[in-house]
Amino acid sequence: LLTQIIRLRGGRVIGRVSSEDKVSIARKAGAEHVIVDTEGRFADEVLRLTGGEGVNVVYDGSGPKTFKGSIEALRRSGTFCWYGPVLGGPGPLEIMSLPKSIKIGYATFMDHIHTRELLLDRTKQLFDWIEDGLITVTIGETYRLADAAGAHAAMASRATTGKLLLIP
């Protein structure tokens, strides 16, 4: 969804996926380039694709393995948006070691959508895009609510694609 929203707003996307079978999904969502990487060594390819400049923004929700590569992939004064890492945090961070005057933020839902009005506004925008066919939501799998632990295990395995739904 993030790739589709970035493209909808005029941005270009370099995607990073954990396996070859996810490349077509990232391209279908709008990623112009897709890097397959499981070890967090994708920054060199990002720099190559950007002529050595790096990217303006990195959105990373993966976990500690990608944290360093995400920082290295940024251009000077770039922004690193760390959100909901499913595989844990990066550990202690030495702020004076950050390169290139980058900015790091940890996006928490309740900070960005802190009023009911904002929730309704952003939700309306998302559903308008979906209704207008500008964004496509792919359902990967459905789980019974009683099997929520299985859904979490599937996400942690990094084998899932699309959204996972819990059905009460």
N, C-alpha and C. Protein backbone atom coordinates (compact mmCIF):
# COMPACT_ATOMS: atom_id res chain seq x y z
N LEU A 1 0.82 -1.19 0.00
CA LEU A 1 0.00 0.00 0.00
C LEU A 1 0.86 1.26 0.00
N LEU A 2 1.95 1.22 0.77
CA LEU A 2 2.82 2.39 0.83
C LEU A 2 3.40 2.72 -0.54
N THR A 3 3.86 1.71 -1.26
CA THR A 3 4.39 1.93 -2.61
C THR A 3 3.33 2.56 -3.50
N GLN A 4 2.12 2.07 -3.45
CA GLN A 4 1.05 2.62 -4.29
C GLN A 4 0.74 4.07 -3.92
N ILE A 5 0.75 4.38 -2.63
CA ILE A 5 0.46 5.76 -2.20
C ILE A 5 1.58 6.70 -2.63
N ILE A 6 2.82 6.25 -2.49
CA ILE A 6 3.95 7.09 -2.92
C ILE A 6 3.85 7.37 -4.41
N ARG A 7 3.54 6.36 -5.21
CA ARG A 7 3.41 6.55 -6.65
C ARG A 7 2.23 7.46 -6.98
N LEU A 8 1.13 7.27 -6.29
CA LEU A 8 -0.06 8.09 -6.49
C LEU A 8 0.25 9.56 -6.24
N ARG A 9 1.15 9.83 -5.33
CA ARG A 9 1.53 11.21 -4.99
C ARG A 9 2.74 11.70 -5.80
N GLY A 10 3.14 10.93 -6.82
CA GLY A 10 4.19 11.38 -7.73
C GLY A 10 5.60 10.96 -7.39
N GLY A 11 5.78 10.12 -6.37
CA GLY A 11 7.11 9.67 -6.00
C GLY A 11 7.58 8.47 -6.81
N ARG A 12 8.87 8.25 -6.76
CA ARG A 12 9.48 7.07 -7.37
C ARG A 12 9.86 6.12 -6.25
N VAL A 13 9.82 4.81 -6.53
CA VAL A 13 10.06 3.82 -5.47
C VAL A 13 11.11 2.81 -5.91
N ILE A 14 12.09 2.61 -5.03
CA ILE A 14 13.01 1.49 -5.12
C ILE A 14 12.59 0.55 -4.00
N GLY A 15 12.10 -0.61 -4.34
CA GLY A 15 11.63 -1.55 -3.33
C GLY A 15 12.72 -2.52 -2.93
N ARG A 16 12.60 -3.04 -1.72
CA ARG A 16 13.48 -4.10 -1.23
C ARG A 16 12.59 -5.21 -0.72
N VAL A 17 12.83 -6.41 -1.23
CA VAL A 17 12.04 -7.57 -0.82
C VAL A 17 12.99 -8.65 -0.32
N SER A 18 12.43 -9.61 0.39
CA SER A 18 13.26 -10.65 1.01
C SER A 18 13.40 -11.90 0.14
N SER A 19 12.63 -12.00 -0.95
CA SER A 19 12.76 -13.19 -1.81
C SER A 19 12.31 -12.88 -3.23
N GLU A 20 12.81 -13.68 -4.16
CA GLU A 20 12.51 -13.50 -5.58
C GLU A 20 11.00 -13.54 -5.87
N ASP A 21 10.27 -14.37 -5.13
CA ASP A 21 8.84 -14.51 -5.40
C ASP A 21 8.04 -13.25 -5.04
N LYS A 22 8.67 -12.27 -4.39
CA LYS A 22 7.99 -11.03 -4.04
C LYS A 22 8.28 -9.89 -5.03
N VAL A 23 9.21 -10.12 -5.96
CA VAL A 23 9.60 -9.08 -6.91
C VAL A 23 8.40 -8.62 -7.75
N SER A 24 7.65 -9.56 -8.31
CA SER A 24 6.53 -9.18 -9.18
C SER A 24 5.46 -8.43 -8.40
N ILE A 25 5.29 -8.76 -7.15
CA ILE A 25 4.30 -8.06 -6.32
C ILE A 25 4.72 -6.61 -6.11
N ALA A 26 6.00 -6.40 -5.82
CA ALA A 26 6.51 -5.03 -5.63
C ALA A 26 6.41 -4.23 -6.93
N ARG A 27 6.73 -4.86 -8.04
CA ARG A 27 6.62 -4.16 -9.33
C ARG A 27 5.16 -3.83 -9.66
N LYS A 28 4.26 -4.76 -9.38
CA LYS A 28 2.84 -4.52 -9.64
C LYS A 28 2.32 -3.35 -8.79
N ALA A 29 2.87 -3.19 -7.59
CA ALA A 29 2.47 -2.08 -6.72
C ALA A 29 3.03 -0.75 -7.19
N GLY A 30 4.05 -0.81 -8.07
CA GLY A 30 4.59 0.43 -8.62
C GLY A 30 6.07 0.67 -8.40
N ALA A 31 6.77 -0.26 -7.78
CA ALA A 31 8.20 -0.07 -7.58
C ALA A 31 8.91 -0.09 -8.94
N GLU A 32 9.72 0.93 -9.21
CA GLU A 32 10.45 1.00 -10.48
C GLU A 32 11.62 0.03 -10.49
N HIS A 33 12.25 -0.13 -9.36
CA HIS A 33 13.35 -1.08 -9.20
C HIS A 33 13.05 -1.90 -7.96
N VAL A 34 13.45 -3.17 -7.97
CA VAL A 34 13.24 -4.03 -6.82
C VAL A 34 14.54 -4.76 -6.52
N ILE A 35 14.99 -4.66 -5.30
CA ILE A 35 16.22 -5.30 -4.85
C ILE A 35 15.83 -6.47 -3.96
N VAL A 36 16.37 -7.64 -4.26
CA VAL A 36 16.14 -8.82 -3.42
C VAL A 36 17.31 -8.89 -2.44
N ASP A 37 16.99 -8.86 -1.14
CA ASP A 37 18.04 -8.83 -0.13
C ASP A 37 17.50 -9.39 1.18
N THR A 38 18.26 -10.30 1.78
CA THR A 38 17.87 -10.83 3.08
C THR A 38 18.87 -10.48 4.17
N GLU A 39 19.99 -9.89 3.80
CA GLU A 39 21.06 -9.63 4.76
C GLU A 39 21.26 -8.16 5.10
N GLY A 40 20.44 -7.26 4.53
CA GLY A 40 20.59 -5.84 4.81
C GLY A 40 21.71 -5.18 4.03
N ARG A 41 22.07 -5.76 2.89
CA ARG A 41 23.17 -5.24 2.06
C ARG A 41 22.67 -4.60 0.77
N PHE A 42 21.59 -3.90 0.84
CA PHE A 42 20.96 -3.33 -0.35
C PHE A 42 21.41 -1.90 -0.66
N ALA A 43 22.09 -1.24 0.26
CA ALA A 43 22.43 0.18 0.10
C ALA A 43 23.31 0.44 -1.12
N ASP A 44 24.27 -0.43 -1.40
CA ASP A 44 25.14 -0.23 -2.57
C ASP A 44 24.33 -0.17 -3.86
N GLU A 45 23.33 -1.03 -3.97
CA GLU A 45 22.49 -1.04 -5.17
C GLU A 45 21.63 0.22 -5.23
N VAL A 46 21.13 0.67 -4.10
CA VAL A 46 20.35 1.92 -4.06
C VAL A 46 21.23 3.08 -4.52
N LEU A 47 22.45 3.13 -4.02
CA LEU A 47 23.36 4.21 -4.41
C LEU A 47 23.68 4.13 -5.90
N ARG A 48 23.85 2.93 -6.42
CA ARG A 48 24.10 2.77 -7.86
C ARG A 48 22.91 3.30 -8.67
N LEU A 49 21.71 2.95 -8.24
CA LEU A 49 20.49 3.35 -8.96
C LEU A 49 20.24 4.86 -8.88
N THR A 50 20.80 5.50 -7.88
CA THR A 50 20.58 6.95 -7.70
C THR A 50 21.82 7.76 -8.05
N GLY A 51 22.73 7.17 -8.79
CA GLY A 51 23.93 7.89 -9.19
C GLY A 51 24.80 8.32 -8.02
N GLY A 52 24.79 7.53 -6.95
CA GLY A 52 25.60 7.82 -5.78
C GLY A 52 24.97 8.78 -4.78
N GLU A 53 23.81 9.32 -5.11
CA GLU A 53 23.17 10.32 -4.25
C GLU A 53 22.42 9.73 -3.06
N GLY A 54 21.80 8.59 -3.24
CA GLY A 54 20.93 8.04 -2.22
C GLY A 54 19.51 8.55 -2.40
N VAL A 55 18.62 8.08 -1.57
CA VAL A 55 17.20 8.43 -1.69
C VAL A 55 16.79 9.49 -0.67
N ASN A 56 15.71 10.18 -0.96
CA ASN A 56 15.19 11.21 -0.06
C ASN A 56 14.62 10.63 1.23
N VAL A 57 13.91 9.50 1.09
CA VAL A 57 13.21 8.90 2.23
C VAL A 57 13.35 7.39 2.17
N VAL A 58 13.56 6.79 3.32
CA VAL A 58 13.47 5.33 3.46
C VAL A 58 12.37 5.05 4.46
N TYR A 59 11.43 4.20 4.07
CA TYR A 59 10.41 3.68 4.98
C TYR A 59 10.81 2.25 5.29
N ASP A 60 11.03 1.94 6.55
CA ASP A 60 11.53 0.62 6.92
C ASP A 60 10.72 0.09 8.09
N GLY A 61 10.03 -0.99 7.87
CA GLY A 61 9.27 -1.65 8.93
C GLY A 61 9.75 -3.07 9.13
N SER A 62 10.93 -3.40 8.62
CA SER A 62 11.39 -4.78 8.62
C SER A 62 12.00 -5.22 9.95
N GLY A 63 13.02 -4.54 10.41
CA GLY A 63 13.67 -4.97 11.64
C GLY A 63 15.13 -4.59 11.65
N PRO A 64 15.86 -5.12 12.63
CA PRO A 64 17.24 -4.69 12.84
C PRO A 64 18.19 -4.99 11.67
N LYS A 65 17.92 -6.02 10.89
CA LYS A 65 18.82 -6.37 9.78
C LYS A 65 18.89 -5.28 8.72
N THR A 66 17.83 -4.54 8.52
CA THR A 66 17.79 -3.54 7.46
C THR A 66 18.11 -2.13 7.94
N PHE A 67 18.22 -1.93 9.26
CA PHE A 67 18.40 -0.59 9.82
C PHE A 67 19.64 0.11 9.27
N LYS A 68 20.79 -0.52 9.32
CA LYS A 68 22.04 0.09 8.86
C LYS A 68 21.99 0.37 7.36
N GLY A 69 21.50 -0.58 6.58
CA GLY A 69 21.38 -0.38 5.13
C GLY A 69 20.44 0.76 4.79
N SER A 70 19.39 0.91 5.55
CA SER A 70 18.45 2.00 5.32
C SER A 70 19.13 3.34 5.53
N ILE A 71 19.93 3.45 6.57
CA ILE A 71 20.67 4.69 6.82
C ILE A 71 21.66 4.96 5.69
N GLU A 72 22.37 3.93 5.27
CA GLU A 72 23.37 4.09 4.21
C GLU A 72 22.75 4.44 2.87
N ALA A 73 21.50 4.07 2.65
CA ALA A 73 20.82 4.33 1.37
C ALA A 73 20.32 5.77 1.24
N LEU A 74 20.32 6.52 2.34
CA LEU A 74 19.79 7.88 2.33
C LEU A 74 20.78 8.88 1.72
N ARG A 75 20.24 9.92 1.12
CA ARG A 75 21.06 11.04 0.64
C ARG A 75 21.30 11.99 1.81
N ARG A 76 22.12 12.98 1.59
CA ARG A 76 22.36 13.98 2.63
C ARG A 76 21.02 14.61 3.05
N SER A 77 20.84 14.78 4.33
CA SER A 77 19.62 15.33 4.91
C SER A 77 18.37 14.51 4.59
N GLY A 78 18.57 13.24 4.26
CA GLY A 78 17.44 12.36 3.98
C GLY A 78 16.68 12.02 5.26
N THR A 79 15.53 11.41 5.08
CA THR A 79 14.65 11.07 6.20
C THR A 79 14.46 9.56 6.28
N PHE A 80 14.67 9.03 7.45
CA PHE A 80 14.50 7.60 7.71
C PHE A 80 13.26 7.45 8.57
N CYS A 81 12.21 6.87 8.01
CA CYS A 81 10.97 6.63 8.75
C CYS A 81 10.92 5.16 9.15
N TRP A 82 11.16 4.91 10.41
CA TRP A 82 11.16 3.56 10.98
C TRP A 82 9.77 3.33 11.53
N TYR A 83 9.08 2.31 11.08
CA TYR A 83 7.71 2.09 11.55
C TYR A 83 7.46 0.63 11.83
N GLY A 84 6.78 0.35 12.89
CA GLY A 84 6.29 -0.97 13.25
C GLY A 84 7.18 -2.14 12.88
N PRO A 85 8.45 -2.16 13.27
CA PRO A 85 9.30 -3.28 12.86
C PRO A 85 8.77 -4.59 13.43
N VAL A 86 8.46 -5.53 12.55
CA VAL A 86 7.89 -6.80 12.99
C VAL A 86 8.95 -7.74 13.55
N LEU A 87 10.21 -7.46 13.28
CA LEU A 87 11.27 -8.36 13.73
C LEU A 87 12.16 -7.76 14.81
N GLY A 88 11.67 -6.76 15.52
CA GLY A 88 12.43 -6.15 16.61
C GLY A 88 13.07 -4.84 16.23
N GLY A 89 13.64 -4.17 17.23
CA GLY A 89 14.26 -2.87 17.03
C GLY A 89 15.75 -2.98 16.74
N PRO A 90 16.39 -1.84 16.47
CA PRO A 90 17.79 -1.83 16.07
C PRO A 90 18.78 -1.93 17.22
N GLY A 91 18.31 -1.83 18.46
CA GLY A 91 19.23 -1.80 19.59
C GLY A 91 19.66 -0.37 19.86
N PRO A 92 20.63 -0.18 20.74
CA PRO A 92 21.08 1.17 21.08
C PRO A 92 21.61 1.91 19.85
N LEU A 93 21.36 3.20 19.81
CA LEU A 93 21.75 4.03 18.68
C LEU A 93 22.62 5.17 19.19
N GLU A 94 23.82 5.29 18.63
CA GLU A 94 24.73 6.38 18.99
C GLU A 94 24.43 7.55 18.06
N ILE A 95 23.72 8.55 18.55
CA ILE A 95 23.25 9.66 17.72
C ILE A 95 24.38 10.39 17.01
N MET A 96 25.54 10.51 17.63
CA MET A 96 26.66 11.22 17.01
C MET A 96 27.28 10.44 15.85
N SER A 97 26.90 9.19 15.69
CA SER A 97 27.45 8.39 14.60
C SER A 97 26.61 8.46 13.33
N LEU A 98 25.48 9.14 13.39
CA LEU A 98 24.61 9.21 12.22
C LEU A 98 25.28 10.03 11.11
N PRO A 99 25.29 9.50 9.90
CA PRO A 99 25.97 10.19 8.79
C PRO A 99 25.06 11.19 8.07
N LYS A 100 25.62 12.06 7.32
CA LYS A 100 24.94 12.89 6.31
C LYS A 100 23.80 13.75 6.83
N SER A 101 23.82 14.14 8.10
CA SER A 101 22.75 14.98 8.66
C SER A 101 21.36 14.41 8.42
N ILE A 102 21.23 13.10 8.52
CA ILE A 102 19.93 12.48 8.28
C ILE A 102 19.00 12.72 9.46
N LYS A 103 17.71 12.53 9.19
CA LYS A 103 16.68 12.65 10.21
C LYS A 103 16.06 11.27 10.38
N ILE A 104 15.88 10.86 11.63
CA ILE A 104 15.25 9.57 11.91
C ILE A 104 13.99 9.82 12.71
N GLY A 105 12.92 9.17 12.30
CA GLY A 105 11.67 9.25 13.05
C GLY A 105 11.09 7.87 13.22
N TYR A 106 10.43 7.68 14.33
CA TYR A 106 9.71 6.42 14.57
C TYR A 106 8.23 6.74 14.52
N ALA A 107 7.59 6.28 13.48
CA ALA A 107 6.19 6.62 13.25
C ALA A 107 5.28 5.73 14.11
N THR A 108 4.53 6.37 14.99
CA THR A 108 3.53 5.67 15.77
C THR A 108 2.16 6.19 15.38
N PHE A 109 1.26 5.29 15.14
CA PHE A 109 -0.06 5.62 14.63
C PHE A 109 -0.72 6.72 15.45
N MET A 110 -0.71 6.59 16.76
CA MET A 110 -1.44 7.54 17.62
C MET A 110 -0.83 8.93 17.61
N ASP A 111 0.43 9.08 17.20
CA ASP A 111 1.02 10.41 17.09
C ASP A 111 0.58 11.11 15.80
N HIS A 112 0.41 10.34 14.75
CA HIS A 112 0.04 10.92 13.46
C HIS A 112 -1.47 11.05 13.28
N ILE A 113 -2.20 10.15 13.89
CA ILE A 113 -3.66 10.16 13.80
C ILE A 113 -4.17 10.30 15.23
N HIS A 114 -4.02 11.50 15.80
CA HIS A 114 -4.28 11.68 17.22
C HIS A 114 -5.67 12.23 17.55
N THR A 115 -6.50 12.45 16.54
CA THR A 115 -7.87 12.87 16.80
C THR A 115 -8.82 12.03 15.95
N ARG A 116 -10.05 11.97 16.38
CA ARG A 116 -11.05 11.24 15.61
C ARG A 116 -11.23 11.86 14.23
N GLU A 117 -11.15 13.18 14.15
CA GLU A 117 -11.31 13.88 12.87
C GLU A 117 -10.22 13.46 11.88
N LEU A 118 -8.97 13.40 12.37
CA LEU A 118 -7.88 12.94 11.50
C LEU A 118 -8.09 11.51 11.05
N LEU A 119 -8.53 10.65 11.96
CA LEU A 119 -8.79 9.26 11.62
C LEU A 119 -9.84 9.17 10.52
N LEU A 120 -10.92 9.90 10.68
CA LEU A 120 -11.98 9.88 9.67
C LEU A 120 -11.50 10.46 8.34
N ASP A 121 -10.73 11.54 8.38
CA ASP A 121 -10.22 12.17 7.17
C ASP A 121 -9.28 11.23 6.41
N ARG A 122 -8.30 10.65 7.11
CA ARG A 122 -7.33 9.76 6.46
C ARG A 122 -7.98 8.47 5.99
N THR A 123 -8.92 7.96 6.77
CA THR A 123 -9.62 6.74 6.37
C THR A 123 -10.46 7.01 5.13
N LYS A 124 -11.13 8.14 5.08
CA LYS A 124 -11.92 8.51 3.90
C LYS A 124 -11.02 8.60 2.67
N GLN A 125 -9.86 9.25 2.82
CA GLN A 125 -8.93 9.37 1.69
C GLN A 125 -8.52 8.00 1.18
N LEU A 126 -8.14 7.11 2.08
CA LEU A 126 -7.73 5.77 1.69
C LEU A 126 -8.85 5.03 0.97
N PHE A 127 -10.05 5.05 1.54
CA PHE A 127 -11.15 4.32 0.92
C PHE A 127 -11.60 4.97 -0.38
N ASP A 128 -11.48 6.29 -0.50
CA ASP A 128 -11.75 6.94 -1.80
C ASP A 128 -10.78 6.43 -2.86
N TRP A 129 -9.49 6.35 -2.52
CA TRP A 129 -8.50 5.84 -3.48
C TRP A 129 -8.83 4.40 -3.88
N ILE A 130 -9.25 3.59 -2.91
CA ILE A 130 -9.60 2.19 -3.20
C ILE A 130 -10.83 2.14 -4.10
N GLU A 131 -11.89 2.90 -3.74
CA GLU A 131 -13.11 2.91 -4.55
C GLU A 131 -12.87 3.42 -5.96
N ASP A 132 -11.96 4.39 -6.11
CA ASP A 132 -11.65 4.95 -7.43
C ASP A 132 -10.68 4.07 -8.22
N GLY A 133 -10.25 2.96 -7.63
CA GLY A 133 -9.34 2.05 -8.32
C GLY A 133 -7.91 2.56 -8.39
N LEU A 134 -7.57 3.56 -7.59
CA LEU A 134 -6.21 4.11 -7.60
C LEU A 134 -5.25 3.28 -6.75
N ILE A 135 -5.81 2.55 -5.80
CA ILE A 135 -5.03 1.66 -4.94
C ILE A 135 -5.74 0.31 -4.89
N THR A 136 -4.95 -0.74 -4.94
CA THR A 136 -5.50 -2.09 -4.85
C THR A 136 -5.00 -2.74 -3.57
N VAL A 137 -5.91 -3.31 -2.80
CA VAL A 137 -5.55 -4.02 -1.58
C VAL A 137 -5.52 -5.52 -1.91
N THR A 138 -4.38 -6.13 -1.65
CA THR A 138 -4.22 -7.56 -1.89
C THR A 138 -4.32 -8.30 -0.57
N ILE A 139 -5.25 -9.23 -0.48
CA ILE A 139 -5.39 -10.05 0.72
C ILE A 139 -4.54 -11.30 0.51
N GLY A 140 -3.54 -11.45 1.37
CA GLY A 140 -2.64 -12.61 1.26
C GLY A 140 -3.27 -13.86 1.82
N GLU A 141 -3.73 -13.79 3.06
CA GLU A 141 -4.35 -14.93 3.72
C GLU A 141 -5.34 -14.44 4.76
N THR A 142 -6.26 -15.33 5.12
CA THR A 142 -7.17 -15.04 6.22
C THR A 142 -6.96 -16.08 7.31
N TYR A 143 -7.13 -15.64 8.55
CA TYR A 143 -6.98 -16.51 9.71
C TYR A 143 -8.18 -16.31 10.62
N ARG A 144 -8.58 -17.37 11.29
CA ARG A 144 -9.58 -17.20 12.33
C ARG A 144 -8.92 -16.43 13.47
N LEU A 145 -9.67 -15.65 14.19
CA LEU A 145 -9.13 -14.87 15.30
C LEU A 145 -8.40 -15.78 16.29
N ALA A 146 -8.91 -16.97 16.50
CA ALA A 146 -8.27 -17.93 17.41
C ALA A 146 -6.88 -18.33 16.91
N ASP A 147 -6.61 -18.14 15.63
CA ASP A 147 -5.31 -18.49 15.03
C ASP A 147 -4.42 -17.27 14.83
N ALA A 148 -4.64 -16.21 15.61
CA ALA A 148 -3.85 -14.98 15.48
C ALA A 148 -2.36 -15.26 15.66
N ALA A 149 -2.02 -16.19 16.53
CA ALA A 149 -0.60 -16.51 16.73
C ALA A 149 0.00 -17.06 15.44
N GLY A 150 -0.77 -17.81 14.68
CA GLY A 150 -0.30 -18.32 13.39
C GLY A 150 -0.06 -17.20 12.39
N ALA A 151 -0.92 -16.18 12.42
CA ALA A 151 -0.73 -15.03 11.53
C ALA A 151 0.54 -14.28 11.90
N HIS A 152 0.79 -14.12 13.19
CA HIS A 152 2.02 -13.45 13.64
C HIS A 152 3.25 -14.26 13.24
N ALA A 153 3.17 -15.57 13.38
CA ALA A 153 4.30 -16.43 13.00
C ALA A 153 4.55 -16.34 11.50
N ALA A 154 3.48 -16.28 10.71
CA ALA A 154 3.62 -16.16 9.26
C ALA A 154 4.30 -14.85 8.90
N MET A 155 3.92 -13.74 9.55
CA MET A 155 4.57 -12.45 9.28
C MET A 155 6.05 -12.50 9.66
N ALA A 156 6.35 -13.08 10.81
CA ALA A 156 7.74 -13.14 11.27
C ALA A 156 8.59 -14.00 10.34
N SER A 157 7.99 -14.96 9.66
CA SER A 157 8.73 -15.83 8.74
C SER A 157 9.11 -15.11 7.45
N ARG A 158 8.51 -13.95 7.21
CA ARG A 158 8.73 -13.14 6.02
C ARG A 158 8.30 -13.85 4.74
N ALA A 159 7.43 -14.83 4.87
CA ALA A 159 6.96 -15.57 3.70
C ALA A 159 5.63 -15.05 3.19
N THR A 160 5.04 -14.10 3.89
CA THR A 160 3.70 -13.62 3.51
C THR A 160 3.78 -12.53 2.45
N THR A 161 2.70 -12.41 1.71
CA THR A 161 2.51 -11.30 0.79
C THR A 161 1.09 -10.80 0.96
N GLY A 162 0.87 -9.53 0.74
CA GLY A 162 -0.46 -8.97 0.91
C GLY A 162 -0.81 -8.83 2.37
N LYS A 163 -2.05 -8.43 2.60
CA LYS A 163 -2.54 -8.20 3.96
C LYS A 163 -3.06 -9.51 4.53
N LEU A 164 -2.84 -9.69 5.82
CA LEU A 164 -3.38 -10.84 6.53
C LEU A 164 -4.59 -10.38 7.31
N LEU A 165 -5.69 -11.11 7.16
CA LEU A 165 -6.93 -10.74 7.85
C LEU A 165 -7.24 -11.72 8.96
N LEU A 166 -7.67 -11.19 10.10
CA LEU A 166 -8.16 -12.00 11.20
C LEU A 166 -9.68 -11.93 11.15
N ILE A 167 -10.32 -13.08 11.09
CA ILE A 167 -11.78 -13.16 11.00
C ILE A 167 -12.33 -13.65 12.34
N PRO A 168 -13.16 -12.81 13.00
CA PRO A 168 -13.73 -13.23 14.31
C PRO A 168 -14.66 -14.42 14.14
